[in-house]
C-alpha cells in the first residue's frame, strides 16, 4: 500500500501543480492514515468536512458548485436543499 500511495501522490501532484501553474511546491501532506468510521454520524461528519474544503479554499462559494463534490448530488436528491 505505501508504494501505491507514493505513486498516486507523485503522479497526481505533478498534474495538479501543472494545472494550477505551480512548480516545486508540495501538494499532498507527507503522511496518510486510515481510520475506521465508527458510526453513521462520524461518516457524515467526515463527508461534510471534505465537501467543505473547496469552499474554505475559496475555489467556490457553495459546496454544490464544486464539480467533483457529492454535495451537488445530495442537493439534487433533496430537491435543491442540503441537510
PDB file of N, CA and C in Angstrom:
ATOM      1  N   UNK A   1       0.802  -1.195   0.000  1.00  0.00           N
ATOM      2  CA  UNK A   1       0.000   0.000   0.000  1.00  0.00           C
ATOM      3  C   UNK A   1       0.856   1.275   0.000  1.00  0.00           C
ATOM      4  N   UNK A   2       1.939   1.344   0.786  1.00  0.00           N
ATOM      5  CA  UNK A   2       2.759   2.561   0.755  1.00  0.00           C
ATOM      6  C   UNK A   2       3.302   2.882  -0.647  1.00  0.00           C
ATOM      7  N   UNK A   3       3.700   1.870  -1.395  1.00  0.00           N
ATOM      8  CA  UNK A   3       4.222   2.114  -2.747  1.00  0.00           C
ATOM      9  C   UNK A   3       3.124   2.652  -3.668  1.00  0.00           C
ATOM     10  N   UNK A   4       1.927   2.133  -3.524  1.00  0.00           N
ATOM     11  CA  UNK A   4       0.802   2.609  -4.337  1.00  0.00           C
ATOM     12  C   UNK A   4       0.493   4.064  -3.999  1.00  0.00           C
ATOM     13  N   UNK A   5       0.440   4.386  -2.720  1.00  0.00           N
ATOM     14  CA  UNK A   5       0.147   5.764  -2.311  1.00  0.00           C
ATOM     15  C   UNK A   5       1.245   6.727  -2.762  1.00  0.00           C
ATOM     16  N   UNK A   6       2.507   6.289  -2.684  1.00  0.00           N
ATOM     17  CA  UNK A   6       3.613   7.127  -3.154  1.00  0.00           C
ATOM     18  C   UNK A   6       3.457   7.434  -4.637  1.00  0.00           C
ATOM     19  N   UNK A   7       3.147   6.399  -5.437  1.00  0.00           N
ATOM     20  CA  UNK A   7       2.966   6.586  -6.873  1.00  0.00           C
ATOM     21  C   UNK A   7       1.773   7.509  -7.140  1.00  0.00           C
ATOM     22  N   UNK A   8       0.663   7.253  -6.476  1.00  0.00           N
ATOM     23  CA  UNK A   8      -0.549   8.042  -6.688  1.00  0.00           C
ATOM     24  C   UNK A   8      -0.326   9.514  -6.335  1.00  0.00           C
ATOM     25  N   UNK A   9       0.281   9.766  -5.180  1.00  0.00           N
ATOM     26  CA  UNK A   9       0.527  11.147  -4.766  1.00  0.00           C
ATOM     27  C   UNK A   9       1.518  11.836  -5.695  1.00  0.00           C
ATOM     28  N   UNK A  10       2.534  11.133  -6.121  1.00  0.00           N
ATOM     29  CA  UNK A  10       3.525  11.719  -7.020  1.00  0.00           C
ATOM     30  C   UNK A  10       2.894  12.112  -8.349  1.00  0.00           C
ATOM     31  N   UNK A  11       2.158  11.195  -8.915  1.00  0.00           N
ATOM     32  CA  UNK A  11       1.530  11.434 -10.226  1.00  0.00           C
ATOM     33  C   UNK A  11       0.492  12.560 -10.152  1.00  0.00           C
ATOM     34  N   UNK A  12      -0.398  12.484  -9.175  1.00  0.00           N
ATOM     35  CA  UNK A  12      -1.464  13.490  -9.099  1.00  0.00           C
ATOM     36  C   UNK A  12      -0.920  14.862  -8.716  1.00  0.00           C
ATOM     37  N   UNK A  13       0.120  14.927  -7.885  1.00  0.00           N
ATOM     38  CA  UNK A  13       0.666  16.232  -7.510  1.00  0.00           C
ATOM     39  C   UNK A  13       1.330  16.909  -8.701  1.00  0.00           C
ATOM     40  N   UNK A  14       2.027  16.144  -9.538  1.00  0.00           N
ATOM     41  CA  UNK A  14       2.631  16.744 -10.742  1.00  0.00           C
ATOM     42  C   UNK A  14       1.563  17.316 -11.662  1.00  0.00           C
ATOM     43  N   UNK A  15       0.503  16.561 -11.883  1.00  0.00           N
ATOM     44  CA  UNK A  15      -0.581  17.024 -12.762  1.00  0.00           C
ATOM     45  C   UNK A  15      -1.296  18.228 -12.154  1.00  0.00           C
ATOM     46  N   UNK A  16      -1.633  18.148 -10.874  1.00  0.00           N
ATOM     47  CA  UNK A  16      -2.346  19.247 -10.210  1.00  0.00           C
ATOM     48  C   UNK A  16      -1.509  20.520 -10.202  1.00  0.00           C
ATOM     49  N   UNK A  17      -0.232  20.418  -9.878  1.00  0.00           N
ATOM     50  CA  UNK A  17       0.624  21.600  -9.858  1.00  0.00           C
ATOM     51  C   UNK A  17       0.775  22.191 -11.254  1.00  0.00           C
ATOM     52  N   UNK A  18       0.837  21.348 -12.277  1.00  0.00           N
ATOM     53  CA  UNK A  18       0.906  21.851 -13.648  1.00  0.00           C
ATOM     54  C   UNK A  18      -0.378  22.614 -13.990  1.00  0.00           C
ATOM     55  N   UNK A  19      -1.537  22.042 -13.650  1.00  0.00           N
ATOM     56  CA  UNK A  19      -2.811  22.699 -13.925  1.00  0.00           C
ATOM     57  C   UNK A  19      -2.962  24.014 -13.164  1.00  0.00           C
ATOM     58  N   UNK A  20      -2.408  24.064 -11.976  1.00  0.00           N
ATOM     59  CA  UNK A  20      -2.517  25.257 -11.137  1.00  0.00           C
ATOM     60  C   UNK A  20      -1.405  26.266 -11.415  1.00  0.00           C
ATOM     61  N   UNK A  21      -0.484  25.912 -12.309  1.00  0.00           N
ATOM     62  CA  UNK A  21       0.613  26.812 -12.631  1.00  0.00           C
ATOM     63  C   UNK A  21       1.620  26.953 -11.507  1.00  0.00           C
ATOM     64  N   UNK A  22       1.735  25.902 -10.700  1.00  0.00           N
ATOM     65  CA  UNK A  22       2.685  25.911  -9.585  1.00  0.00           C
ATOM     66  C   UNK A  22       3.809  24.955  -9.889  1.00  0.00           C
ATOM     67  N   UNK A  23       4.976  25.233  -9.382  1.00  0.00           N
ATOM     68  CA  UNK A  23       6.089  24.318  -9.571  1.00  0.00           C
ATOM     69  C   UNK A  23       6.888  24.171  -8.297  1.00  0.00           C
ATOM     70  N   UNK A  24       7.333  22.969  -8.018  1.00  0.00           N
ATOM     71  CA  UNK A  24       8.182  22.717  -6.871  1.00  0.00           C
ATOM     72  C   UNK A  24       7.520  22.890  -5.517  1.00  0.00           C
ATOM     73  N   UNK A  25       6.201  22.920  -5.489  1.00  0.00           N
ATOM     74  CA  UNK A  25       5.500  23.069  -4.217  1.00  0.00           C
ATOM     75  C   UNK A  25       4.839  21.751  -3.822  1.00  0.00           C
ATOM     76  N   UNK A  26       4.813  21.492  -2.538  1.00  0.00           N
ATOM     77  CA  UNK A  26       4.142  20.288  -2.052  1.00  0.00           C
ATOM     78  C   UNK A  26       2.643  20.416  -2.317  1.00  0.00           C
ATOM     79  N   UNK A  27       2.051  19.331  -2.742  1.00  0.00           N
ATOM     80  CA  UNK A  27       0.612  19.316  -2.986  1.00  0.00           C
ATOM     81  C   UNK A  27      -0.101  18.492  -1.922  1.00  0.00           C
ATOM     82  N   UNK A  28       0.489  17.373  -1.543  1.00  0.00           N
ATOM     83  CA  UNK A  28      -0.100  16.475  -0.546  1.00  0.00           C
ATOM     84  C   UNK A  28       0.657  16.591   0.766  1.00  0.00           C
ATOM     85  N   UNK A  29      -0.016  16.264   1.853  1.00  0.00           N
ATOM     86  CA  UNK A  29       0.665  16.170   3.140  1.00  0.00           C
ATOM     87  C   UNK A  29       1.607  14.980   3.105  1.00  0.00           C
ATOM     88  N   UNK A  30       2.630  15.013   3.959  1.00  0.00           N
ATOM     89  CA  UNK A  30       3.646  13.967   3.960  1.00  0.00           C
ATOM     90  C   UNK A  30       3.114  12.603   4.385  1.00  0.00           C
ATOM     91  N   UNK A  31       2.128  12.560   5.223  1.00  0.00           N
ATOM     92  CA  UNK A  31       1.676  11.270   5.722  1.00  0.00           C
ATOM     93  C   UNK A  31       0.198  11.047   5.436  1.00  0.00           C
ATOM     94  N   UNK A  32      -0.188   9.809   5.494  1.00  0.00           N
ATOM     95  CA  UNK A  32      -1.599   9.467   5.377  1.00  0.00           C
ATOM     96  C   UNK A  32      -1.895   8.382   6.413  1.00  0.00           C
ATOM     97  N   UNK A  33      -3.121   8.255   6.750  1.00  0.00           N
ATOM     98  CA  UNK A  33      -3.500   7.227   7.706  1.00  0.00           C
ATOM     99  C   UNK A  33      -4.910   6.765   7.387  1.00  0.00           C
ATOM    100  N   UNK A  34      -5.212   5.583   7.838  1.00  0.00           N
ATOM    101  CA  UNK A  34      -6.569   5.086   7.651  1.00  0.00           C
ATOM    102  C   UNK A  34      -7.323   5.231   8.971  1.00  0.00           C
ATOM    103  N   UNK A  35      -8.621   5.231   8.867  1.00  0.00           N
ATOM    104  CA  UNK A  35      -9.454   5.417  10.045  1.00  0.00           C
ATOM    105  C   UNK A  35     -10.781   4.711   9.824  1.00  0.00           C
ATOM    106  N   UNK A  36     -11.175   3.912  10.769  1.00  0.00           N
ATOM    107  CA  UNK A  36     -12.466   3.239  10.691  1.00  0.00           C
ATOM    108  C   UNK A  36     -13.558   4.203  11.117  1.00  0.00           C
ATOM    109  N   UNK A  37     -14.600   4.293  10.316  1.00  0.00           N
ATOM    110  CA  UNK A  37     -15.763   5.096  10.697  1.00  0.00           C
ATOM    111  C   UNK A  37     -16.548   4.265  11.715  1.00  0.00           C
ATOM    112  N   UNK A  38     -16.777   4.835  12.871  1.00  0.00           N
ATOM    113  CA  UNK A  38     -17.389   4.075  13.951  1.00  0.00           C
ATOM    114  C   UNK A  38     -18.905   4.227  14.029  1.00  0.00           C
ATOM    115  N   UNK A  39     -19.438   5.178  13.268  1.00  0.00           N
ATOM    116  CA  UNK A  39     -20.888   5.370  13.304  1.00  0.00           C
ATOM    117  C   UNK A  39     -21.308   6.100  12.038  1.00  0.00           C
ATOM    118  N   UNK A  40     -22.578   6.011  11.683  1.00  0.00           N
ATOM    119  CA  UNK A  40     -23.069   6.782  10.528  1.00  0.00           C
ATOM    120  C   UNK A  40     -22.867   8.284  10.731  1.00  0.00           C
ATOM    121  N   UNK A  41     -22.979   8.755  11.953  1.00  0.00           N
ATOM    122  CA  UNK A  41     -22.782  10.177  12.245  1.00  0.00           C
ATOM    123  C   UNK A  41     -21.339  10.597  11.947  1.00  0.00           C
ATOM    124  N   UNK A  42     -20.390   9.772  12.346  1.00  0.00           N
ATOM    125  CA  UNK A  42     -18.985  10.091  12.084  1.00  0.00           C
ATOM    126  C   UNK A  42     -18.708  10.137  10.583  1.00  0.00           C
ATOM    127  N   UNK A  43     -19.273   9.200   9.841  1.00  0.00           N
ATOM    128  CA  UNK A  43     -19.118   9.201   8.385  1.00  0.00           C
ATOM    129  C   UNK A  43     -19.699  10.479   7.795  1.00  0.00           C
ATOM    130  N   UNK A  44     -20.869  10.878   8.226  1.00  0.00           N
ATOM    131  CA  UNK A  44     -21.495  12.107   7.733  1.00  0.00           C
ATOM    132  C   UNK A  44     -20.645  13.329   8.062  1.00  0.00           C
ATOM    133  N   UNK A  45     -20.070  13.371   9.258  1.00  0.00           N
ATOM    134  CA  UNK A  45     -19.194  14.491   9.633  1.00  0.00           C
ATOM    135  C   UNK A  45     -17.976  14.575   8.721  1.00  0.00           C
ATOM    136  N   UNK A  46     -17.384  13.445   8.395  1.00  0.00           N
ATOM    137  CA  UNK A  46     -16.215  13.426   7.509  1.00  0.00           C
ATOM    138  C   UNK A  46     -16.607  13.863   6.103  1.00  0.00           C
ATOM    139  N   UNK A  47     -17.752  13.397   5.624  1.00  0.00           N
ATOM    140  CA  UNK A  47     -18.231  13.801   4.293  1.00  0.00           C
ATOM    141  C   UNK A  47     -18.430  15.312   4.254  1.00  0.00           C
ATOM    142  N   UNK A  48     -19.068  15.875   5.260  1.00  0.00           N
ATOM    143  CA  UNK A  48     -19.293  17.328   5.321  1.00  0.00           C
ATOM    144  C   UNK A  48     -17.964  18.087   5.349  1.00  0.00           C
ATOM    145  N   UNK A  49     -17.011  17.571   6.105  1.00  0.00           N
ATOM    146  CA  UNK A  49     -15.699  18.215   6.187  1.00  0.00           C
ATOM    147  C   UNK A  49     -15.032  18.250   4.803  1.00  0.00           C
ATOM    148  N   UNK A  50     -15.033  17.122   4.113  1.00  0.00           N
ATOM    149  CA  UNK A  50     -14.405  17.044   2.793  1.00  0.00           C
ATOM    150  C   UNK A  50     -15.143  17.930   1.795  1.00  0.00           C
ATOM    151  N   UNK A  51     -16.462  17.896   1.824  1.00  0.00           N
ATOM    152  CA  UNK A  51     -17.241  18.723   0.904  1.00  0.00           C
ATOM    153  C   UNK A  51     -17.020  20.217   1.146  1.00  0.00           C
ATOM    154  N   UNK A  52     -16.705  20.594   2.367  1.00  0.00           N
ATOM    155  CA  UNK A  52     -16.484  21.993   2.682  1.00  0.00           C
ATOM    156  C   UNK A  52     -15.110  22.522   2.295  1.00  0.00           C
ATOM    157  N   UNK A  53     -14.168  21.639   2.004  1.00  0.00           N
ATOM    158  CA  UNK A  53     -12.804  22.082   1.700  1.00  0.00           C
ATOM    159  C   UNK A  53     -12.704  23.032   0.510  1.00  0.00           C
ATOM    160  N   UNK A  54     -13.367  22.792  -0.628  1.00  0.00           N
ATOM    161  CA  UNK A  54     -13.263  23.747  -1.738  1.00  0.00           C
ATOM    162  C   UNK A  54     -13.813  25.137  -1.393  1.00  0.00           C
ATOM    163  N   UNK A  55     -14.820  25.188  -0.525  1.00  0.00           N
ATOM    164  CA  UNK A  55     -15.369  26.472  -0.094  1.00  0.00           C
ATOM    165  C   UNK A  55     -14.340  27.174   0.789  1.00  0.00           C
ATOM    166  N   UNK A  56     -13.766  26.452   1.749  1.00  0.00           N
ATOM    167  CA  UNK A  56     -12.763  27.032   2.639  1.00  0.00           C
ATOM    168  C   UNK A  56     -11.547  27.518   1.862  1.00  0.00           C
ATOM    169  N   UNK A  57     -11.215  26.830   0.770  1.00  0.00           N
ATOM    170  CA  UNK A  57     -10.065  27.223  -0.060  1.00  0.00           C
ATOM    171  C   UNK A  57     -10.397  28.386  -0.988  1.00  0.00           C
ATOM    172  N   UNK A  58     -11.659  28.797  -1.026  1.00  0.00           N
ATOM    173  CA  UNK A  58     -12.060  29.913  -1.874  1.00  0.00           C
ATOM    174  C   UNK A  58     -12.206  29.551  -3.343  1.00  0.00           C
ATOM    175  N   UNK A  59     -12.335  28.266  -3.635  1.00  0.00           N
ATOM    176  CA  UNK A  59     -12.469  27.820  -5.023  1.00  0.00           C
ATOM    177  C   UNK A  59     -13.895  27.954  -5.530  1.00  0.00           C
ATOM    178  N   UNK A  60     -14.860  27.859  -4.646  1.00  0.00           N
ATOM    179  CA  UNK A  60     -16.282  28.030  -4.960  1.00  0.00           C
ATOM    180  C   UNK A  60     -16.943  28.693  -3.759  1.00  0.00           C
ATOM    181  N   UNK A  61     -18.156  29.193  -3.956  1.00  0.00           N
ATOM    182  CA  UNK A  61     -18.835  29.836  -2.829  1.00  0.00           C
ATOM    183  C   UNK A  61     -19.782  28.887  -2.093  1.00  0.00           C
ATOM    184  N   UNK A  62     -20.192  27.804  -2.741  1.00  0.00           N
ATOM    185  CA  UNK A  62     -21.006  26.790  -2.071  1.00  0.00           C
ATOM    186  C   UNK A  62     -20.467  25.409  -2.402  1.00  0.00           C
ATOM    187  N   UNK A  63     -20.702  24.469  -1.519  1.00  0.00           N
ATOM    188  CA  UNK A  63     -20.222  23.098  -1.716  1.00  0.00           C
ATOM    189  C   UNK A  63     -20.766  22.479  -2.997  1.00  0.00           C
ATOM    190  N   UNK A  64     -22.001  22.802  -3.328  1.00  0.00           N
ATOM    191  CA  UNK A  64     -22.643  22.209  -4.502  1.00  0.00           C
ATOM    192  C   UNK A  64     -22.001  22.655  -5.813  1.00  0.00           C
ATOM    193  N   UNK A  65     -21.297  23.769  -5.808  1.00  0.00           N
ATOM    194  CA  UNK A  65     -20.675  24.285  -7.027  1.00  0.00           C
ATOM    195  C   UNK A  65     -19.424  23.512  -7.428  1.00  0.00           C
ATOM    196  N   UNK A  66     -18.810  22.795  -6.505  1.00  0.00           N
ATOM    197  CA  UNK A  66     -17.591  22.046  -6.811  1.00  0.00           C
ATOM    198  C   UNK A  66     -17.972  20.830  -7.654  1.00  0.00           C
ATOM    199  N   UNK A  67     -17.447  20.768  -8.861  1.00  0.00           N
ATOM    200  CA  UNK A  67     -17.866  19.753  -9.839  1.00  0.00           C
ATOM    201  C   UNK A  67     -17.658  18.323  -9.356  1.00  0.00           C
ATOM    202  N   UNK A  68     -16.692  18.104  -8.499  1.00  0.00           N
ATOM    203  CA  UNK A  68     -16.365  16.735  -8.074  1.00  0.00           C
ATOM    204  C   UNK A  68     -16.926  16.409  -6.697  1.00  0.00           C
ATOM    205  N   UNK A  69     -17.827  17.220  -6.208  1.00  0.00           N
ATOM    206  CA  UNK A  69     -18.364  17.033  -4.866  1.00  0.00           C
ATOM    207  C   UNK A  69     -19.651  16.227  -4.878  1.00  0.00           C
ATOM    208  N   UNK A  70     -19.821  15.430  -3.852  1.00  0.00           N
ATOM    209  CA  UNK A  70     -21.077  14.708  -3.683  1.00  0.00           C
ATOM    210  C   UNK A  70     -22.185  15.637  -3.180  1.00  0.00           C
ATOM    211  N   UNK A  71     -21.828  16.832  -2.754  1.00  0.00           N
ATOM    212  CA  UNK A  71     -22.837  17.773  -2.246  1.00  0.00           C
ATOM    213  C   UNK A  71     -23.858  18.125  -3.315  1.00  0.00           C
ATOM    214  N   UNK A  72     -23.427  18.255  -4.549  1.00  0.00           N
ATOM    215  CA  UNK A  72     -24.353  18.554  -5.642  1.00  0.00           C
ATOM    216  C   UNK A  72     -25.355  17.445  -5.858  1.00  0.00           C
ATOM    217  N   UNK A  73     -24.883  16.202  -5.758  1.00  0.00           N
ATOM    218  CA  UNK A  73     -25.793  15.062  -5.907  1.00  0.00           C
ATOM    219  C   UNK A  73     -26.795  15.020  -4.764  1.00  0.00           C
ATOM    220  N   UNK A  74     -26.328  15.318  -3.560  1.00  0.00           N
ATOM    221  CA  UNK A  74     -27.224  15.297  -2.406  1.00  0.00           C
ATOM    222  C   UNK A  74     -28.270  16.399  -2.540  1.00  0.00           C
ATOM    223  N   UNK A  75     -27.868  17.572  -3.032  1.00  0.00           N
ATOM    224  CA  UNK A  75     -28.814  18.676  -3.221  1.00  0.00           C
ATOM    225  C   UNK A  75     -29.868  18.303  -4.258  1.00  0.00           C
ATOM    226  N   UNK A  76     -29.440  17.630  -5.337  1.00  0.00           N
ATOM    227  CA  UNK A  76     -30.399  17.191  -6.362  1.00  0.00           C
ATOM    228  C   UNK A  76     -31.396  16.199  -5.767  1.00  0.00           C
ATOM    229  N   UNK A  77     -30.898  15.269  -4.953  1.00  0.00           N
ATOM    230  CA  UNK A  77     -31.779  14.263  -4.345  1.00  0.00           C
ATOM    231  C   UNK A  77     -32.765  14.890  -3.349  1.00  0.00           C
ATOM    232  N   UNK A  78     -32.354  16.001  -2.731  1.00  0.00           N
ATOM    233  CA  UNK A  78     -33.200  16.654  -1.726  1.00  0.00           C
ATOM    234  C   UNK A  78     -34.035  17.766  -2.334  1.00  0.00           C
ATOM    235  N   UNK A  79     -34.078  17.837  -3.646  1.00  0.00           N
ATOM    236  CA  UNK A  79     -34.851  18.892  -4.304  1.00  0.00           C
ATOM    237  C   UNK A  79     -34.206  20.261  -4.199  1.00  0.00           C
ATOM    238  N   UNK A  80     -32.849  20.263  -4.147  1.00  0.00           N
ATOM    239  CA  UNK A  80     -32.127  21.528  -4.112  1.00  0.00           C
ATOM    240  C   UNK A  80     -31.746  21.989  -2.726  1.00  0.00           C
ATOM    241  N   UNK A  81     -32.191  21.275  -1.690  1.00  0.00           N
ATOM    242  CA  UNK A  81     -31.848  21.658  -0.326  1.00  0.00           C
ATOM    243  C   UNK A  81     -30.958  20.598   0.294  1.00  0.00           C
ATOM    244  N   UNK A  82     -29.834  21.023   0.867  1.00  0.00           N
ATOM    245  CA  UNK A  82     -28.965  20.082   1.563  1.00  0.00           C
ATOM    246  C   UNK A  82     -29.375  20.013   3.012  1.00  0.00           C
ATOM    247  N   UNK A  83     -29.050  18.903   3.644  1.00  0.00           N
ATOM    248  CA  UNK A  83     -29.406  18.744   5.058  1.00  0.00           C
ATOM    249  C   UNK A  83     -28.228  18.970   5.944  1.00  0.00           C
TER     250      UNK A  83
END
